[in-house]
Structures are given as structure tokens and as C-alpha cells.
Amino acid sequence: MESKIWLSYVYLKMNRLAKCKDILSQLSNYSPSYNESFLLNKIEAELNLEMKNINEAYLYYEKALEYTNNNSTKTSILNNLFIIAEKNYDLDKIIYYLSELEIYAPDNMKKDIMIDWVRYNRKAGNYNAILTKIDMLLSASEYQSIYMKLELEKAKVYLDKQDFVSAKLFLSEFTQLYQRKNETAEAYYHLGYISLMEDFNLDLSKEYFEKS
């Protein structure tokens, strides 16, 4: 039966979707092994993705995750799920899959995953969750290389909350601590924006923008 499963996958890759579906229907009463269950669910997920059945693709990819203990495989599937959710702008699923990716992804991926997690949680308005998570990450040694980025993300949360007093204080301290970095330039830009749009101080905003 495993050969039939692989044959369905071959048809899928050849874009012969009807043949793929036909073989899978023949296997509907078959009791697959653990590894075969993983492969069958992965094929079903990819087939439904080709057919634009997005919710079904989510479902089968998530089922496939139940049949593998390999972190690399889990990372690959979760990354596929993240990409699908991102294309469909499904914020709840994007955030969930990024949270799962943090668990299984290798260390060299986790920093980018966390920056994406913060970015999408900002879009979802989950401000308290972001501040709590960033404080936790700032205390972890593996995230020291993106320390400034994480600090700047905290300031952006205050901007999103329209707490301009806290944002201005945070950004001012940031520019004093860090000099001539990309993040410093961005901090000065945000200070310029606050001075222009909230304080209506044209001279100060010009000074900040020039420093940026």
C-alpha cells in the first residue's frame, strides 16, 4: 500500500489532481502505519492547497504534525502553515504557527521568528502579550544579538497604543544609549514623527529627522 501512497504523491507533483484524488479514495479504508499516516496527511494537505481549499489544507498539515517527532520536519510543516496563513492574512493562525515554530525551529531561525511574532501581534493589537514576551526575550542570552531591535519594538508598541509620552521617553533613552546604529536612525525618525504630528514642534522634528 505504501507504493500506492507514493504513486498518489507522484500524480500530485505532476499536477494530475484527479488521479491523485482517485488513489487516495482507494485508500480510505486502509489502516496506515505511523509513517504512512504522516505521508497521507501531507499529501492531502498539498492536494487541498492546490485546490484552494485552505481550511482543509490547514487541517491536514496539522494532522501530519501529529505523526512526526522530528523537529526539522515539524519546522518545515509549520513554516508551510505560516506561509499559507500569511498569504491569507489570517492573523490568529499566523501568531499560533509562529509560536509553535519557536518551539521546534533551530536556534538560527528563532530570532527572525520572534521579530515576526512581535510584528504580527502588533497588528493584532496584542500589546500586553508583546511587552511581556519582549521582557522575557531580553533576559535570554540567545537573543542578545537582536537586543536593540527588541527594545525598539517596545517603543513601537507604545506608539501603536498612542501612548506618546511613554514612547518619547523610551526613544529618547534609546538614542542616548545607542549611537550610529540602524535602530538609532529609526528611533530618531519616530521621535521626529511624534514632534511633528503630536507636539507640532517643527524645529525639533526637523532636528530629529536630520539626525535620523
N, C-alpha and C. Protein backbone atom coordinates (compact mmCIF):
# COMPACT_ATOMS: atom_id res chain seq x y z
N MET A 1 0.81 -1.21 0.00
CA MET A 1 0.00 0.00 0.00
C MET A 1 0.86 1.27 0.00
N GLU A 2 2.03 1.17 0.58
CA GLU A 2 2.89 2.35 0.61
C GLU A 2 3.23 2.83 -0.79
N SER A 3 3.37 1.86 -1.71
CA SER A 3 3.67 2.23 -3.09
C SER A 3 2.53 3.04 -3.70
N LYS A 4 1.28 2.72 -3.33
CA LYS A 4 0.14 3.49 -3.82
C LYS A 4 0.15 4.91 -3.27
N ILE A 5 0.54 5.01 -2.02
CA ILE A 5 0.61 6.35 -1.40
C ILE A 5 1.62 7.21 -2.15
N TRP A 6 2.79 6.62 -2.43
CA TRP A 6 3.81 7.36 -3.16
C TRP A 6 3.36 7.67 -4.59
N LEU A 7 2.58 6.76 -5.18
CA LEU A 7 2.07 7.00 -6.53
C LEU A 7 1.12 8.20 -6.53
N SER A 8 0.30 8.30 -5.50
CA SER A 8 -0.61 9.45 -5.41
C SER A 8 0.20 10.75 -5.31
N TYR A 9 1.34 10.67 -4.62
CA TYR A 9 2.19 11.86 -4.47
C TYR A 9 2.83 12.24 -5.80
N VAL A 10 3.20 11.22 -6.57
CA VAL A 10 3.77 11.47 -7.90
C VAL A 10 2.74 12.17 -8.77
N TYR A 11 1.50 11.68 -8.75
CA TYR A 11 0.44 12.32 -9.54
C TYR A 11 0.21 13.76 -9.09
N LEU A 12 0.29 13.98 -7.79
CA LEU A 12 0.13 15.33 -7.26
C LEU A 12 1.20 16.26 -7.82
N LYS A 13 2.44 15.78 -7.81
CA LYS A 13 3.55 16.61 -8.30
C LYS A 13 3.47 16.81 -9.81
N MET A 14 2.81 15.90 -10.51
CA MET A 14 2.60 16.04 -11.95
C MET A 14 1.37 16.92 -12.25
N ASN A 15 0.72 17.38 -11.19
CA ASN A 15 -0.50 18.20 -11.29
C ASN A 15 -1.67 17.42 -11.89
N ARG A 16 -1.63 16.12 -11.74
CA ARG A 16 -2.77 15.28 -12.15
C ARG A 16 -3.62 15.04 -10.91
N LEU A 17 -4.34 16.06 -10.54
CA LEU A 17 -5.03 16.06 -9.26
C LEU A 17 -6.15 15.02 -9.18
N ALA A 18 -6.84 14.81 -10.28
CA ALA A 18 -7.94 13.82 -10.29
C ALA A 18 -7.39 12.42 -10.01
N LYS A 19 -6.26 12.08 -10.62
CA LYS A 19 -5.64 10.76 -10.40
C LYS A 19 -5.18 10.64 -8.95
N CYS A 20 -4.63 11.71 -8.42
CA CYS A 20 -4.19 11.71 -7.02
C CYS A 20 -5.38 11.46 -6.10
N LYS A 21 -6.48 12.17 -6.33
CA LYS A 21 -7.67 12.01 -5.51
C LYS A 21 -8.23 10.60 -5.62
N ASP A 22 -8.18 10.04 -6.82
CA ASP A 22 -8.71 8.70 -7.06
C ASP A 22 -7.96 7.65 -6.22
N ILE A 23 -6.63 7.77 -6.21
CA ILE A 23 -5.84 6.81 -5.43
C ILE A 23 -6.09 6.99 -3.94
N LEU A 24 -6.16 8.24 -3.50
CA LEU A 24 -6.40 8.49 -2.08
C LEU A 24 -7.76 7.94 -1.65
N SER A 25 -8.75 8.02 -2.52
CA SER A 25 -10.08 7.48 -2.18
C SER A 25 -10.03 5.97 -2.06
N GLN A 26 -9.16 5.32 -2.85
CA GLN A 26 -8.99 3.86 -2.76
C GLN A 26 -8.38 3.44 -1.42
N LEU A 27 -7.69 4.39 -0.78
CA LEU A 27 -7.01 4.09 0.49
C LEU A 27 -7.84 4.50 1.70
N SER A 28 -9.09 4.89 1.47
CA SER A 28 -9.90 5.45 2.56
C SER A 28 -10.17 4.44 3.68
N ASN A 29 -10.22 3.15 3.36
CA ASN A 29 -10.48 2.13 4.37
C ASN A 29 -9.21 1.44 4.85
N TYR A 30 -8.09 1.92 4.38
CA TYR A 30 -6.80 1.32 4.75
C TYR A 30 -6.35 1.87 6.10
N SER A 31 -5.76 1.01 6.94
CA SER A 31 -5.23 1.45 8.23
C SER A 31 -3.72 1.66 8.10
N PRO A 32 -3.30 2.92 7.91
CA PRO A 32 -1.90 3.19 7.64
C PRO A 32 -1.03 3.10 8.90
N SER A 33 0.25 2.89 8.67
CA SER A 33 1.21 2.91 9.77
C SER A 33 1.44 4.36 10.21
N TYR A 34 2.23 4.53 11.24
CA TYR A 34 2.54 5.87 11.76
C TYR A 34 3.16 6.73 10.67
N ASN A 35 4.19 6.21 10.00
CA ASN A 35 4.87 6.97 8.94
C ASN A 35 3.97 7.20 7.74
N GLU A 36 3.16 6.18 7.40
CA GLU A 36 2.24 6.33 6.28
C GLU A 36 1.17 7.39 6.58
N SER A 37 0.76 7.47 7.84
CA SER A 37 -0.23 8.48 8.23
C SER A 37 0.32 9.89 8.02
N PHE A 38 1.60 10.03 8.35
CA PHE A 38 2.24 11.34 8.12
C PHE A 38 2.20 11.69 6.63
N LEU A 39 2.61 10.75 5.80
CA LEU A 39 2.69 11.00 4.36
C LEU A 39 1.30 11.25 3.76
N LEU A 40 0.32 10.46 4.17
CA LEU A 40 -1.04 10.63 3.64
C LEU A 40 -1.61 12.02 3.98
N ASN A 41 -1.41 12.44 5.21
CA ASN A 41 -1.93 13.76 5.61
C ASN A 41 -1.19 14.89 4.90
N LYS A 42 0.11 14.69 4.69
CA LYS A 42 0.88 15.70 3.96
C LYS A 42 0.40 15.81 2.51
N ILE A 43 0.13 14.68 1.89
CA ILE A 43 -0.37 14.68 0.52
C ILE A 43 -1.75 15.34 0.46
N GLU A 44 -2.61 14.98 1.40
CA GLU A 44 -3.95 15.59 1.45
C GLU A 44 -3.84 17.10 1.63
N ALA A 45 -2.92 17.54 2.44
CA ALA A 45 -2.74 18.98 2.67
C ALA A 45 -2.31 19.68 1.38
N GLU A 46 -1.33 19.11 0.70
CA GLU A 46 -0.83 19.73 -0.53
C GLU A 46 -1.88 19.68 -1.64
N LEU A 47 -2.64 18.60 -1.68
CA LEU A 47 -3.71 18.48 -2.67
C LEU A 47 -4.77 19.56 -2.44
N ASN A 48 -5.20 19.71 -1.20
CA ASN A 48 -6.21 20.72 -0.89
C ASN A 48 -5.69 22.13 -1.11
N LEU A 49 -4.41 22.31 -0.91
CA LEU A 49 -3.81 23.62 -1.17
C LEU A 49 -3.87 23.93 -2.66
N GLU A 50 -3.58 22.94 -3.49
CA GLU A 50 -3.66 23.12 -4.94
C GLU A 50 -5.09 23.42 -5.38
N MET A 51 -6.05 22.85 -4.65
CA MET A 51 -7.46 23.04 -4.99
C MET A 51 -8.07 24.27 -4.31
N LYS A 52 -7.20 25.06 -3.62
CA LYS A 52 -7.63 26.30 -2.94
C LYS A 52 -8.57 26.03 -1.77
N ASN A 53 -8.54 24.82 -1.24
CA ASN A 53 -9.31 24.51 -0.03
C ASN A 53 -8.42 24.80 1.18
N ILE A 54 -8.30 26.05 1.54
CA ILE A 54 -7.31 26.48 2.52
C ILE A 54 -7.57 25.88 3.90
N ASN A 55 -8.82 25.87 4.34
CA ASN A 55 -9.12 25.32 5.67
C ASN A 55 -8.80 23.83 5.76
N GLU A 56 -9.05 23.13 4.66
CA GLU A 56 -8.72 21.70 4.64
C GLU A 56 -7.20 21.51 4.64
N ALA A 57 -6.49 22.37 3.95
CA ALA A 57 -5.02 22.30 3.94
C ALA A 57 -4.47 22.50 5.35
N TYR A 58 -5.01 23.50 6.06
CA TYR A 58 -4.62 23.70 7.47
C TYR A 58 -4.81 22.41 8.25
N LEU A 59 -6.02 21.84 8.11
CA LEU A 59 -6.42 20.66 8.89
C LEU A 59 -5.46 19.50 8.66
N TYR A 60 -5.17 19.19 7.38
CA TYR A 60 -4.34 18.03 7.08
C TYR A 60 -2.87 18.26 7.46
N TYR A 61 -2.37 19.48 7.29
CA TYR A 61 -0.99 19.76 7.73
C TYR A 61 -0.88 19.59 9.24
N GLU A 62 -1.90 20.07 9.97
CA GLU A 62 -1.87 19.94 11.42
C GLU A 62 -1.96 18.48 11.85
N LYS A 63 -2.72 17.67 11.10
CA LYS A 63 -2.78 16.23 11.38
C LYS A 63 -1.42 15.59 11.10
N ALA A 64 -0.76 16.02 10.04
CA ALA A 64 0.56 15.47 9.71
C ALA A 64 1.56 15.71 10.85
N LEU A 65 1.43 16.86 11.52
CA LEU A 65 2.32 17.17 12.64
C LEU A 65 2.22 16.14 13.76
N GLU A 66 1.05 15.52 13.88
CA GLU A 66 0.84 14.53 14.94
C GLU A 66 1.59 13.23 14.67
N TYR A 67 2.05 13.05 13.44
CA TYR A 67 2.69 11.79 13.07
C TYR A 67 4.18 11.94 12.78
N THR A 68 4.81 12.90 13.39
CA THR A 68 6.27 13.01 13.29
C THR A 68 6.82 13.58 14.59
N ASN A 69 7.95 13.04 15.00
CA ASN A 69 8.65 13.54 16.18
C ASN A 69 9.94 14.26 15.80
N ASN A 70 10.13 14.44 14.52
CA ASN A 70 11.35 15.07 14.02
C ASN A 70 11.19 16.59 14.01
N ASN A 71 12.04 17.29 14.73
CA ASN A 71 11.91 18.75 14.83
C ASN A 71 12.08 19.44 13.49
N SER A 72 12.97 18.92 12.66
CA SER A 72 13.20 19.51 11.35
C SER A 72 11.95 19.39 10.48
N THR A 73 11.30 18.23 10.53
CA THR A 73 10.07 18.02 9.77
C THR A 73 8.95 18.90 10.30
N LYS A 74 8.83 18.98 11.62
CA LYS A 74 7.82 19.86 12.21
C LYS A 74 8.04 21.31 11.80
N THR A 75 9.31 21.73 11.80
CA THR A 75 9.64 23.10 11.41
C THR A 75 9.22 23.36 9.97
N SER A 76 9.49 22.40 9.08
CA SER A 76 9.14 22.55 7.67
C SER A 76 7.63 22.70 7.49
N ILE A 77 6.86 21.85 8.17
CA ILE A 77 5.40 21.90 8.02
C ILE A 77 4.84 23.18 8.64
N LEU A 78 5.34 23.53 9.81
CA LEU A 78 4.86 24.76 10.46
C LEU A 78 5.21 26.00 9.63
N ASN A 79 6.35 25.96 8.97
CA ASN A 79 6.71 27.08 8.09
C ASN A 79 5.76 27.16 6.91
N ASN A 80 5.37 25.98 6.36
CA ASN A 80 4.36 25.97 5.29
C ASN A 80 3.04 26.55 5.78
N LEU A 81 2.65 26.17 6.99
CA LEU A 81 1.40 26.67 7.56
C LEU A 81 1.47 28.18 7.77
N PHE A 82 2.62 28.65 8.24
CA PHE A 82 2.81 30.09 8.43
C PHE A 82 2.67 30.84 7.11
N ILE A 83 3.29 30.31 6.06
CA ILE A 83 3.24 30.95 4.74
C ILE A 83 1.79 31.01 4.22
N ILE A 84 1.06 29.90 4.39
CA ILE A 84 -0.34 29.86 3.95
C ILE A 84 -1.15 30.91 4.72
N ALA A 85 -0.97 30.93 6.04
CA ALA A 85 -1.72 31.88 6.87
C ALA A 85 -1.36 33.32 6.52
N GLU A 86 -0.08 33.55 6.21
CA GLU A 86 0.37 34.90 5.86
C GLU A 86 -0.26 35.34 4.55
N LYS A 87 -0.30 34.44 3.56
CA LYS A 87 -0.90 34.77 2.27
C LYS A 87 -2.39 35.08 2.40
N ASN A 88 -3.04 34.44 3.37
CA ASN A 88 -4.47 34.64 3.57
C ASN A 88 -4.76 35.64 4.69
N TYR A 89 -3.71 36.26 5.18
CA TYR A 89 -3.79 37.28 6.23
C TYR A 89 -4.69 36.82 7.37
N ASP A 90 -4.43 35.60 7.86
CA ASP A 90 -5.16 35.03 8.98
C ASP A 90 -4.31 35.24 10.24
N LEU A 91 -4.51 36.38 10.90
CA LEU A 91 -3.63 36.79 12.00
C LEU A 91 -3.56 35.78 13.13
N ASP A 92 -4.70 35.23 13.53
CA ASP A 92 -4.70 34.28 14.65
C ASP A 92 -3.84 33.07 14.33
N LYS A 93 -3.97 32.55 13.12
CA LYS A 93 -3.18 31.38 12.75
C LYS A 93 -1.70 31.75 12.55
N ILE A 94 -1.42 32.91 11.99
CA ILE A 94 -0.03 33.36 11.83
C ILE A 94 0.67 33.35 13.19
N ILE A 95 0.02 33.97 14.17
CA ILE A 95 0.60 34.08 15.51
C ILE A 95 0.77 32.70 16.15
N TYR A 96 -0.23 31.85 15.96
CA TYR A 96 -0.16 30.49 16.53
C TYR A 96 0.99 29.69 15.93
N TYR A 97 1.11 29.73 14.60
CA TYR A 97 2.16 28.95 13.96
C TYR A 97 3.55 29.49 14.28
N LEU A 98 3.68 30.80 14.43
CA LEU A 98 4.97 31.38 14.83
C LEU A 98 5.32 30.94 16.25
N SER A 99 4.33 30.87 17.13
CA SER A 99 4.56 30.40 18.49
C SER A 99 5.03 28.95 18.50
N GLU A 100 4.44 28.13 17.64
CA GLU A 100 4.85 26.74 17.53
C GLU A 100 6.25 26.62 16.90
N LEU A 101 6.52 27.46 15.92
CA LEU A 101 7.84 27.44 15.28
C LEU A 101 8.94 27.75 16.28
N GLU A 102 8.67 28.64 17.21
CA GLU A 102 9.67 28.97 18.23
C GLU A 102 10.10 27.73 19.01
N ILE A 103 9.18 26.80 19.19
CA ILE A 103 9.46 25.58 19.96
C ILE A 103 10.38 24.64 19.19
N TYR A 104 10.12 24.47 17.89
CA TYR A 104 10.78 23.41 17.13
C TYR A 104 11.90 23.88 16.20
N ALA A 105 11.93 25.16 15.87
CA ALA A 105 12.90 25.66 14.89
C ALA A 105 14.31 25.67 15.49
N PRO A 106 15.33 25.56 14.62
CA PRO A 106 16.71 25.67 15.10
C PRO A 106 17.00 27.08 15.60
N ASP A 107 18.04 27.20 16.42
CA ASP A 107 18.36 28.49 17.06
C ASP A 107 18.58 29.62 16.05
N ASN A 108 19.16 29.29 14.88
CA ASN A 108 19.46 30.35 13.91
C ASN A 108 18.20 30.93 13.26
N MET A 109 17.05 30.27 13.43
CA MET A 109 15.78 30.78 12.89
C MET A 109 14.96 31.54 13.93
N LYS A 110 15.21 31.27 15.21
CA LYS A 110 14.32 31.74 16.26
C LYS A 110 14.27 33.26 16.37
N LYS A 111 15.38 33.93 16.07
CA LYS A 111 15.39 35.39 16.19
C LYS A 111 14.44 36.02 15.17
N ASP A 112 14.52 35.56 13.92
CA ASP A 112 13.60 36.08 12.90
C ASP A 112 12.16 35.73 13.22
N ILE A 113 11.95 34.52 13.75
CA ILE A 113 10.60 34.09 14.13
C ILE A 113 10.02 35.02 15.18
N MET A 114 10.84 35.38 16.16
CA MET A 114 10.36 36.25 17.24
C MET A 114 10.06 37.67 16.76
N ILE A 115 10.90 38.18 15.86
CA ILE A 115 10.62 39.50 15.29
C ILE A 115 9.30 39.47 14.53
N ASP A 116 9.07 38.40 13.76
CA ASP A 116 7.78 38.26 13.05
C ASP A 116 6.63 38.13 14.04
N TRP A 117 6.85 37.37 15.10
CA TRP A 117 5.81 37.18 16.13
C TRP A 117 5.41 38.53 16.72
N VAL A 118 6.39 39.35 17.04
CA VAL A 118 6.12 40.68 17.60
C VAL A 118 5.37 41.54 16.58
N ARG A 119 5.85 41.50 15.33
CA ARG A 119 5.26 42.33 14.28
C ARG A 119 3.77 42.00 14.07
N TYR A 120 3.45 40.72 14.01
CA TYR A 120 2.06 40.34 13.76
C TYR A 120 1.19 40.52 15.00
N ASN A 121 1.75 40.37 16.17
CA ASN A 121 0.98 40.65 17.38
C ASN A 121 0.68 42.14 17.50
N ARG A 122 1.59 42.99 17.01
CA ARG A 122 1.29 44.42 16.97
C ARG A 122 0.10 44.68 16.06
N LYS A 123 0.06 44.02 14.92
CA LYS A 123 -1.06 44.20 14.00
C LYS A 123 -2.37 43.71 14.63
N ALA A 124 -2.26 42.69 15.48
CA ALA A 124 -3.46 42.14 16.13
C ALA A 124 -3.83 42.93 17.38
N GLY A 125 -2.96 43.87 17.78
CA GLY A 125 -3.25 44.68 18.96
C GLY A 125 -3.01 43.97 20.28
N ASN A 126 -2.18 42.91 20.27
CA ASN A 126 -1.89 42.16 21.50
C ASN A 126 -0.71 42.79 22.25
N TYR A 127 -0.90 44.01 22.70
CA TYR A 127 0.21 44.80 23.22
C TYR A 127 0.80 44.25 24.52
N ASN A 128 -0.06 43.85 25.44
CA ASN A 128 0.45 43.34 26.72
C ASN A 128 1.26 42.06 26.53
N ALA A 129 0.78 41.21 25.62
CA ALA A 129 1.49 39.96 25.33
C ALA A 129 2.87 40.26 24.76
N ILE A 130 2.95 41.28 23.89
CA ILE A 130 4.24 41.65 23.29
C ILE A 130 5.22 42.14 24.35
N LEU A 131 4.77 43.04 25.21
CA LEU A 131 5.66 43.62 26.23
C LEU A 131 6.16 42.54 27.18
N THR A 132 5.28 41.62 27.55
CA THR A 132 5.68 40.51 28.43
C THR A 132 6.71 39.62 27.73
N LYS A 133 6.45 39.30 26.47
CA LYS A 133 7.35 38.42 25.71
C LYS A 133 8.71 39.09 25.49
N ILE A 134 8.72 40.36 25.13
CA ILE A 134 9.98 41.05 24.89
C ILE A 134 10.82 41.10 26.16
N ASP A 135 10.20 41.38 27.29
CA ASP A 135 10.95 41.41 28.55
C ASP A 135 11.59 40.05 28.83
N MET A 136 10.88 38.99 28.49
CA MET A 136 11.42 37.64 28.68
C MET A 136 12.60 37.39 27.73
N LEU A 137 12.44 37.82 26.47
CA LEU A 137 13.49 37.60 25.47
C LEU A 137 14.74 38.41 25.79
N LEU A 138 14.55 39.62 26.30
CA LEU A 138 15.69 40.48 26.61
C LEU A 138 16.58 39.90 27.70
N SER A 139 16.01 39.03 28.52
CA SER A 139 16.79 38.40 29.59
C SER A 139 17.45 37.09 29.16
N ALA A 140 17.15 36.66 27.93
CA ALA A 140 17.71 35.39 27.42
C ALA A 140 18.98 35.65 26.60
N SER A 141 20.02 34.92 26.88
CA SER A 141 21.32 35.17 26.25
C SER A 141 21.29 34.97 24.73
N GLU A 142 20.45 34.04 24.24
CA GLU A 142 20.43 33.75 22.80
C GLU A 142 19.83 34.88 21.97
N TYR A 143 19.18 35.83 22.63
CA TYR A 143 18.57 36.94 21.89
C TYR A 143 19.33 38.26 22.05
N GLN A 144 20.54 38.19 22.61
CA GLN A 144 21.31 39.42 22.84
C GLN A 144 21.71 40.12 21.53
N SER A 145 21.86 39.35 20.46
CA SER A 145 22.28 39.94 19.18
C SER A 145 21.17 40.80 18.55
N ILE A 146 19.92 40.62 19.00
CA ILE A 146 18.82 41.46 18.50
C ILE A 146 18.24 42.29 19.63
N TYR A 147 19.05 42.54 20.63
CA TYR A 147 18.61 43.30 21.81
C TYR A 147 18.03 44.66 21.42
N MET A 148 18.75 45.39 20.56
CA MET A 148 18.29 46.72 20.16
C MET A 148 16.97 46.66 19.39
N LYS A 149 16.85 45.67 18.50
CA LYS A 149 15.61 45.52 17.74
C LYS A 149 14.43 45.28 18.67
N LEU A 150 14.65 44.44 19.68
CA LEU A 150 13.58 44.14 20.62
C LEU A 150 13.22 45.37 21.46
N GLU A 151 14.24 46.11 21.87
CA GLU A 151 13.98 47.34 22.62
C GLU A 151 13.17 48.33 21.78
N LEU A 152 13.53 48.43 20.52
CA LEU A 152 12.82 49.36 19.63
C LEU A 152 11.38 48.91 19.40
N GLU A 153 11.18 47.60 19.37
CA GLU A 153 9.81 47.08 19.21
C GLU A 153 8.93 47.48 20.40
N LYS A 154 9.53 47.57 21.59
CA LYS A 154 8.76 48.02 22.75
C LYS A 154 8.26 49.45 22.52
N ALA A 155 9.15 50.29 21.99
CA ALA A 155 8.76 51.68 21.71
C ALA A 155 7.62 51.72 20.69
N LYS A 156 7.67 50.84 19.70
CA LYS A 156 6.63 50.82 18.67
C LYS A 156 5.27 50.42 19.26
N VAL A 157 5.33 49.56 20.28
CA VAL A 157 4.09 49.18 20.96
C VAL A 157 3.44 50.41 21.59
N TYR A 158 4.25 51.24 22.26
CA TYR A 158 3.72 52.46 22.86
C TYR A 158 3.17 53.41 21.78
N LEU A 159 3.84 53.44 20.63
CA LEU A 159 3.35 54.27 19.53
C LEU A 159 2.00 53.75 19.04
N ASP A 160 1.90 52.44 18.89
CA ASP A 160 0.64 51.84 18.44
C ASP A 160 -0.48 52.11 19.43
N LYS A 161 -0.14 52.12 20.72
CA LYS A 161 -1.14 52.39 21.77
C LYS A 161 -1.45 53.88 21.89
N GLN A 162 -0.71 54.69 21.10
CA GLN A 162 -0.82 56.15 21.13
C GLN A 162 -0.48 56.71 22.52
N ASP A 163 0.41 56.00 23.19
CA ASP A 163 0.97 56.48 24.45
C ASP A 163 2.27 57.21 24.09
N PHE A 164 2.11 58.43 23.57
CA PHE A 164 3.26 59.15 23.02
C PHE A 164 4.24 59.63 24.09
N VAL A 165 3.74 59.86 25.29
CA VAL A 165 4.63 60.27 26.38
C VAL A 165 5.63 59.15 26.70
N SER A 166 5.11 57.93 26.87
CA SER A 166 5.99 56.78 27.14
C SER A 166 6.90 56.49 25.97
N ALA A 167 6.36 56.59 24.75
CA ALA A 167 7.15 56.32 23.55
C ALA A 167 8.30 57.31 23.43
N LYS A 168 8.01 58.58 23.67
CA LYS A 168 9.04 59.62 23.55
C LYS A 168 10.14 59.43 24.59
N LEU A 169 9.74 59.10 25.80
CA LEU A 169 10.71 58.86 26.87
C LEU A 169 11.59 57.66 26.53
N PHE A 170 10.96 56.60 26.07
CA PHE A 170 11.67 55.36 25.74
C PHE A 170 12.64 55.60 24.58
N LEU A 171 12.18 56.29 23.54
CA LEU A 171 13.01 56.54 22.37
C LEU A 171 14.17 57.49 22.68
N SER A 172 13.93 58.47 23.53
CA SER A 172 14.99 59.40 23.92
C SER A 172 16.11 58.66 24.66
N GLU A 173 15.72 57.79 25.58
CA GLU A 173 16.71 56.98 26.30
C GLU A 173 17.45 56.05 25.35
N PHE A 174 16.73 55.53 24.39
CA PHE A 174 17.32 54.62 23.40
C PHE A 174 18.42 55.32 22.60
N THR A 175 18.15 56.54 22.14
CA THR A 175 19.13 57.26 21.32
C THR A 175 20.35 57.68 22.14
N GLN A 176 20.18 57.82 23.44
CA GLN A 176 21.33 58.13 24.29
C GLN A 176 22.21 56.91 24.54
N LEU A 177 21.57 55.76 24.60
CA LEU A 177 22.31 54.52 24.87
C LEU A 177 23.02 53.99 23.63
N TYR A 178 22.39 54.12 22.46
CA TYR A 178 22.92 53.53 21.23
C TYR A 178 23.18 54.61 20.19
N GLN A 179 24.39 54.63 19.67
CA GLN A 179 24.79 55.66 18.72
C GLN A 179 25.12 55.04 17.36
N ARG A 180 24.71 55.76 16.29
CA ARG A 180 25.09 55.41 14.93
C ARG A 180 24.78 53.95 14.55
N LYS A 181 23.60 53.51 14.90
CA LYS A 181 23.10 52.20 14.50
C LYS A 181 21.85 52.41 13.65
N ASN A 182 21.50 51.39 12.87
CA ASN A 182 20.28 51.48 12.07
C ASN A 182 19.06 51.70 12.96
N GLU A 183 19.06 51.02 14.12
CA GLU A 183 17.96 51.17 15.05
C GLU A 183 17.91 52.59 15.63
N THR A 184 19.09 53.21 15.80
CA THR A 184 19.14 54.59 16.30
C THR A 184 18.48 55.53 15.31
N ALA A 185 18.78 55.34 14.03
CA ALA A 185 18.18 56.17 12.99
C ALA A 185 16.66 56.04 12.99
N GLU A 186 16.19 54.82 13.18
CA GLU A 186 14.74 54.60 13.22
C GLU A 186 14.12 55.27 14.45
N ALA A 187 14.83 55.20 15.58
CA ALA A 187 14.34 55.84 16.80
C ALA A 187 14.21 57.35 16.61
N TYR A 188 15.21 57.96 15.98
CA TYR A 188 15.15 59.41 15.71
C TYR A 188 13.98 59.73 14.76
N TYR A 189 13.74 58.85 13.79
CA TYR A 189 12.61 59.06 12.88
C TYR A 189 11.29 59.09 13.65
N HIS A 190 11.11 58.13 14.57
CA HIS A 190 9.88 58.09 15.35
C HIS A 190 9.76 59.32 16.25
N LEU A 191 10.88 59.77 16.81
CA LEU A 191 10.86 60.98 17.62
C LEU A 191 10.46 62.20 16.77
N GLY A 192 10.97 62.23 15.56
CA GLY A 192 10.60 63.31 14.64
C GLY A 192 9.12 63.30 14.32
N TYR A 193 8.59 62.11 14.12
CA TYR A 193 7.16 61.97 13.82
C TYR A 193 6.31 62.46 15.00
N ILE A 194 6.70 62.05 16.23
CA ILE A 194 5.95 62.48 17.42
C ILE A 194 6.00 64.01 17.56
N SER A 195 7.20 64.57 17.35
CA SER A 195 7.36 66.03 17.49
C SER A 195 6.53 66.78 16.46
N LEU A 196 6.43 66.20 15.25
CA LEU A 196 5.71 66.86 14.18
C LEU A 196 4.19 66.70 14.32
N MET A 197 3.76 65.47 14.53
CA MET A 197 2.33 65.17 14.47
C MET A 197 1.60 65.33 15.81
N GLU A 198 2.34 65.19 16.91
CA GLU A 198 1.70 65.27 18.22
C GLU A 198 2.04 66.55 18.97
N ASP A 199 3.31 66.96 18.91
CA ASP A 199 3.73 68.16 19.64
C ASP A 199 3.69 69.42 18.77
N PHE A 200 3.60 69.23 17.45
CA PHE A 200 3.57 70.34 16.48
C PHE A 200 4.80 71.25 16.63
N ASN A 201 5.92 70.61 16.95
CA ASN A 201 7.19 71.33 17.11
C ASN A 201 8.02 71.12 15.85
N LEU A 202 7.92 72.05 14.91
CA LEU A 202 8.57 71.88 13.61
C LEU A 202 10.09 71.88 13.73
N ASP A 203 10.63 72.76 14.56
CA ASP A 203 12.08 72.85 14.70
C ASP A 203 12.67 71.57 15.28
N LEU A 204 12.02 71.05 16.33
CA LEU A 204 12.52 69.83 16.96
C LEU A 204 12.37 68.62 16.03
N SER A 205 11.24 68.57 15.32
CA SER A 205 11.04 67.45 14.40
C SER A 205 12.09 67.47 13.29
N LYS A 206 12.42 68.67 12.80
CA LYS A 206 13.46 68.79 11.78
C LYS A 206 14.79 68.29 12.30
N GLU A 207 15.10 68.65 13.55
CA GLU A 207 16.36 68.21 14.16
C GLU A 207 16.42 66.69 14.26
N TYR A 208 15.32 66.08 14.68
CA TYR A 208 15.26 64.61 14.80
C TYR A 208 15.40 63.95 13.42
N PHE A 209 14.68 64.47 12.42
CA PHE A 209 14.74 63.88 11.09
C PHE A 209 16.14 63.99 10.50
N GLU A 210 16.82 65.10 10.76
CA GLU A 210 18.19 65.26 10.27
C GLU A 210 19.13 64.25 10.94
N LYS A 211 18.93 64.04 12.23
CA LYS A 211 19.74 63.03 12.93
C LYS A 211 19.45 61.64 12.40
N SER A 212 18.20 61.40 12.06
CA SER A 212 17.82 60.11 11.50
C SER A 212 18.55 59.86 10.19
